[in-house]
């Protein structure tokens, strides 16, 4: 479910210098699972 919402947000908000991140929370810490930007496309982990 989160994956499909993530890909939907990419199409709606992915322009310019925007970076969209899909993250998981565990014990108050967030880990970026996938990121997307116009420059990099979808990548595993965080777009630096």
PDB file of N, CA and C in Angstrom:
ATOM      1  N   UNK A   1       0.820  -1.192   0.000  1.00  0.00           N
ATOM      2  CA  UNK A   1       0.000   0.000   0.000  1.00  0.00           C
ATOM      3  C   UNK A   1       0.866   1.259   0.000  1.00  0.00           C
ATOM      4  N   UNK A   2       1.875   1.349   0.852  1.00  0.00           N
ATOM      5  CA  UNK A   2       2.734   2.527   0.907  1.00  0.00           C
ATOM      6  C   UNK A   2       3.477   2.715  -0.406  1.00  0.00           C
ATOM      7  N   UNK A   3       3.891   1.620  -1.022  1.00  0.00           N
ATOM      8  CA  UNK A   3       4.619   1.706  -2.295  1.00  0.00           C
ATOM      9  C   UNK A   3       3.763   2.367  -3.374  1.00  0.00           C
ATOM     10  N   UNK A   4       2.501   1.990  -3.498  1.00  0.00           N
ATOM     11  CA  UNK A   4       1.647   2.582  -4.523  1.00  0.00           C
ATOM     12  C   UNK A   4       1.380   4.053  -4.228  1.00  0.00           C
ATOM     13  N   UNK A   5       1.215   4.409  -2.952  1.00  0.00           N
ATOM     14  CA  UNK A   5       1.039   5.819  -2.597  1.00  0.00           C
ATOM     15  C   UNK A   5       2.311   6.602  -2.910  1.00  0.00           C
ATOM     16  N   UNK A   6       3.465   6.019  -2.637  1.00  0.00           N
ATOM     17  CA  UNK A   6       4.752   6.642  -2.931  1.00  0.00           C
ATOM     18  C   UNK A   6       4.855   6.955  -4.421  1.00  0.00           C
ATOM     19  N   UNK A   7       4.565   5.978  -5.257  1.00  0.00           N
ATOM     20  CA  UNK A   7       4.665   6.191  -6.700  1.00  0.00           C
ATOM     21  C   UNK A   7       3.640   7.212  -7.180  1.00  0.00           C
ATOM     22  N   UNK A   8       2.459   7.243  -6.564  1.00  0.00           N
ATOM     23  CA  UNK A   8       1.458   8.239  -6.909  1.00  0.00           C
ATOM     24  C   UNK A   8       1.915   9.648  -6.565  1.00  0.00           C
ATOM     25  N   UNK A   9       2.569   9.806  -5.420  1.00  0.00           N
ATOM     26  CA  UNK A   9       3.070  11.121  -5.012  1.00  0.00           C
ATOM     27  C   UNK A   9       4.174  11.600  -5.940  1.00  0.00           C
ATOM     28  N   UNK A  10       4.966  10.689  -6.463  1.00  0.00           N
ATOM     29  CA  UNK A  10       6.016  11.041  -7.404  1.00  0.00           C
ATOM     30  C   UNK A  10       5.413  11.765  -8.608  1.00  0.00           C
ATOM     31  N   UNK A  11       4.348  11.226  -9.146  1.00  0.00           N
ATOM     32  CA  UNK A  11       3.715  11.842 -10.300  1.00  0.00           C
ATOM     33  C   UNK A  11       3.080  13.182  -9.986  1.00  0.00           C
ATOM     34  N   UNK A  12       2.544  13.335  -8.788  1.00  0.00           N
ATOM     35  CA  UNK A  12       1.863  14.577  -8.417  1.00  0.00           C
ATOM     36  C   UNK A  12       2.847  15.673  -8.026  1.00  0.00           C
ATOM     37  N   UNK A  13       3.830  15.335  -7.224  1.00  0.00           N
ATOM     38  CA  UNK A  13       4.700  16.348  -6.629  1.00  0.00           C
ATOM     39  C   UNK A  13       6.144  16.326  -7.138  1.00  0.00           C
ATOM     40  N   UNK A  14       6.498  15.438  -8.005  1.00  0.00           N
ATOM     41  CA  UNK A  14       7.886  15.295  -8.418  1.00  0.00           C
ATOM     42  C   UNK A  14       8.302  16.228  -9.532  1.00  0.00           C
ATOM     43  N   UNK A  15       8.678  17.448  -9.173  1.00  0.00           N
ATOM     44  CA  UNK A  15       9.173  18.388 -10.174  1.00  0.00           C
ATOM     45  C   UNK A  15      10.244  19.274  -9.560  1.00  0.00           C
ATOM     46  N   UNK A  16      11.067  19.853 -10.401  1.00  0.00           N
ATOM     47  CA  UNK A  16      12.114  20.752  -9.910  1.00  0.00           C
ATOM     48  C   UNK A  16      13.094  20.042  -9.014  1.00  0.00           C
ATOM     49  N   UNK A  17      13.401  20.647  -7.876  1.00  0.00           N
ATOM     50  CA  UNK A  17      14.373  20.100  -6.925  1.00  0.00           C
ATOM     51  C   UNK A  17      13.718  19.298  -5.809  1.00  0.00           C
ATOM     52  N   UNK A  18      12.471  18.900  -5.998  1.00  0.00           N
ATOM     53  CA  UNK A  18      11.740  18.145  -4.981  1.00  0.00           C
ATOM     54  C   UNK A  18      12.323  16.746  -4.839  1.00  0.00           C
ATOM     55  N   UNK A  19      12.498  16.291  -3.588  1.00  0.00           N
ATOM     56  CA  UNK A  19      12.905  14.919  -3.304  1.00  0.00           C
ATOM     57  C   UNK A  19      11.806  14.303  -2.441  1.00  0.00           C
ATOM     58  N   UNK A  20      11.299  13.164  -2.864  1.00  0.00           N
ATOM     59  CA  UNK A  20      10.274  12.447  -2.108  1.00  0.00           C
ATOM     60  C   UNK A  20      10.924  11.212  -1.503  1.00  0.00           C
ATOM     61  N   UNK A  21      10.683  10.981  -0.202  1.00  0.00           N
ATOM     62  CA  UNK A  21      11.302   9.853   0.497  1.00  0.00           C
ATOM     63  C   UNK A  21      10.236   8.950   1.108  1.00  0.00           C
ATOM     64  N   UNK A  22      10.421   7.647   0.941  1.00  0.00           N
ATOM     65  CA  UNK A  22       9.596   6.644   1.608  1.00  0.00           C
ATOM     66  C   UNK A  22      10.446   6.100   2.750  1.00  0.00           C
ATOM     67  N   UNK A  23       9.977   6.286   3.999  1.00  0.00           N
ATOM     68  CA  UNK A  23      10.775   5.903   5.168  1.00  0.00           C
ATOM     69  C   UNK A  23       9.986   4.966   6.069  1.00  0.00           C
ATOM     70  N   UNK A  24      10.724   4.166   6.821  1.00  0.00           N
ATOM     71  CA  UNK A  24      10.149   3.295   7.844  1.00  0.00           C
ATOM     72  C   UNK A  24      10.617   3.798   9.205  1.00  0.00           C
ATOM     73  N   UNK A  25       9.710   3.765  10.188  1.00  0.00           N
ATOM     74  CA  UNK A  25      10.049   4.201  11.536  1.00  0.00           C
ATOM     75  C   UNK A  25      10.169   2.982  12.449  1.00  0.00           C
ATOM     76  N   UNK A  26      11.236   2.960  13.242  1.00  0.00           N
ATOM     77  CA  UNK A  26      11.448   1.893  14.203  1.00  0.00           C
ATOM     78  C   UNK A  26      12.147   2.483  15.421  1.00  0.00           C
ATOM     79  N   UNK A  27      11.547   2.327  16.587  1.00  0.00           N
ATOM     80  CA  UNK A  27      12.114   2.834  17.840  1.00  0.00           C
ATOM     81  C   UNK A  27      12.434   4.327  17.761  1.00  0.00           C
ATOM     82  N   UNK A  28      11.580   5.101  17.097  1.00  0.00           N
ATOM     83  CA  UNK A  28      11.779   6.545  17.012  1.00  0.00           C
ATOM     84  C   UNK A  28      12.798   6.985  15.985  1.00  0.00           C
ATOM     85  N   UNK A  29      13.394   6.049  15.268  1.00  0.00           N
ATOM     86  CA  UNK A  29      14.384   6.365  14.235  1.00  0.00           C
ATOM     87  C   UNK A  29      13.767   6.099  12.862  1.00  0.00           C
ATOM     88  N   UNK A  30      14.081   6.941  11.901  1.00  0.00           N
ATOM     89  CA  UNK A  30      13.569   6.770  10.547  1.00  0.00           C
ATOM     90  C   UNK A  30      14.682   6.304   9.618  1.00  0.00           C
ATOM     91  N   UNK A  31      14.366   5.333   8.788  1.00  0.00           N
ATOM     92  CA  UNK A  31      15.300   4.841   7.777  1.00  0.00           C
ATOM     93  C   UNK A  31      14.640   5.020   6.415  1.00  0.00           C
ATOM     94  N   UNK A  32      15.319   5.721   5.506  1.00  0.00           N
ATOM     95  CA  UNK A  32      14.783   5.950   4.172  1.00  0.00           C
ATOM     96  C   UNK A  32      14.900   4.668   3.368  1.00  0.00           C
ATOM     97  N   UNK A  33      13.774   4.205   2.829  1.00  0.00           N
ATOM     98  CA  UNK A  33      13.731   2.975   2.057  1.00  0.00           C
ATOM     99  C   UNK A  33      13.965   3.269   0.572  1.00  0.00           C
ATOM    100  N   UNK A  34      13.248   4.259   0.047  1.00  0.00           N
ATOM    101  CA  UNK A  34      13.391   4.653  -1.352  1.00  0.00           C
ATOM    102  C   UNK A  34      13.264   6.165  -1.449  1.00  0.00           C
ATOM    103  N   UNK A  35      13.903   6.730  -2.449  1.00  0.00           N
ATOM    104  CA  UNK A  35      13.823   8.157  -2.711  1.00  0.00           C
ATOM    105  C   UNK A  35      13.602   8.379  -4.193  1.00  0.00           C
ATOM    106  N   UNK A  36      13.095   9.553  -4.511  1.00  0.00           N
ATOM    107  CA  UNK A  36      12.891   9.904  -5.902  1.00  0.00           C
ATOM    108  C   UNK A  36      13.129  11.385  -6.086  1.00  0.00           C
ATOM    109  N   UNK A  37      13.805  11.740  -7.165  1.00  0.00           N
ATOM    110  CA  UNK A  37      13.922  13.129  -7.597  1.00  0.00           C
ATOM    111  C   UNK A  37      13.936  13.135  -9.118  1.00  0.00           C
ATOM    112  N   UNK A  38      13.706  14.281  -9.710  1.00  0.00           N
ATOM    113  CA  UNK A  38      13.731  14.389 -11.167  1.00  0.00           C
ATOM    114  C   UNK A  38      15.109  14.004 -11.706  1.00  0.00           C
ATOM    115  N   UNK A  39      16.169  14.328 -10.965  1.00  0.00           N
ATOM    116  CA  UNK A  39      17.529  14.065 -11.427  1.00  0.00           C
ATOM    117  C   UNK A  39      17.923  12.600 -11.339  1.00  0.00           C
ATOM    118  N   UNK A  40      17.459  11.896 -10.297  1.00  0.00           N
ATOM    119  CA  UNK A  40      17.925  10.518 -10.058  1.00  0.00           C
ATOM    120  C   UNK A  40      16.919   9.443 -10.402  1.00  0.00           C
ATOM    121  N   UNK A  41      15.639   9.791 -10.484  1.00  0.00           N
ATOM    122  CA  UNK A  41      14.598   8.773 -10.615  1.00  0.00           C
ATOM    123  C   UNK A  41      14.453   8.068  -9.277  1.00  0.00           C
ATOM    124  N   UNK A  42      13.872   6.872  -9.275  1.00  0.00           N
ATOM    125  CA  UNK A  42      13.669   6.125  -8.038  1.00  0.00           C
ATOM    126  C   UNK A  42      14.953   5.367  -7.696  1.00  0.00           C
ATOM    127  N   UNK A  43      15.411   5.512  -6.461  1.00  0.00           N
ATOM    128  CA  UNK A  43      16.598   4.800  -5.998  1.00  0.00           C
ATOM    129  C   UNK A  43      16.311   4.164  -4.641  1.00  0.00           C
ATOM    130  N   UNK A  44      17.016   3.100  -4.320  1.00  0.00           N
ATOM    131  CA  UNK A  44      16.941   2.514  -2.983  1.00  0.00           C
ATOM    132  C   UNK A  44      17.749   3.403  -2.044  1.00  0.00           C
ATOM    133  N   UNK A  45      17.258   3.623  -0.854  1.00  0.00           N
ATOM    134  CA  UNK A  45      17.960   4.471   0.102  1.00  0.00           C
ATOM    135  C   UNK A  45      17.674   5.935  -0.153  1.00  0.00           C
ATOM    136  N   UNK A  46      18.516   6.799   0.350  1.00  0.00           N
ATOM    137  CA  UNK A  46      18.297   8.239   0.289  1.00  0.00           C
ATOM    138  C   UNK A  46      19.029   8.865  -0.886  1.00  0.00           C
ATOM    139  N   UNK A  47      18.390   9.861  -1.492  1.00  0.00           N
ATOM    140  CA  UNK A  47      19.036  10.659  -2.532  1.00  0.00           C
ATOM    141  C   UNK A  47      19.921  11.650  -1.812  1.00  0.00           C
ATOM    142  N   UNK A  48      21.194  11.631  -2.081  1.00  0.00           N
ATOM    143  CA  UNK A  48      22.131  12.532  -1.391  1.00  0.00           C
ATOM    144  C   UNK A  48      22.116  13.906  -2.006  1.00  0.00           C
TER     145      UNK A  48
END
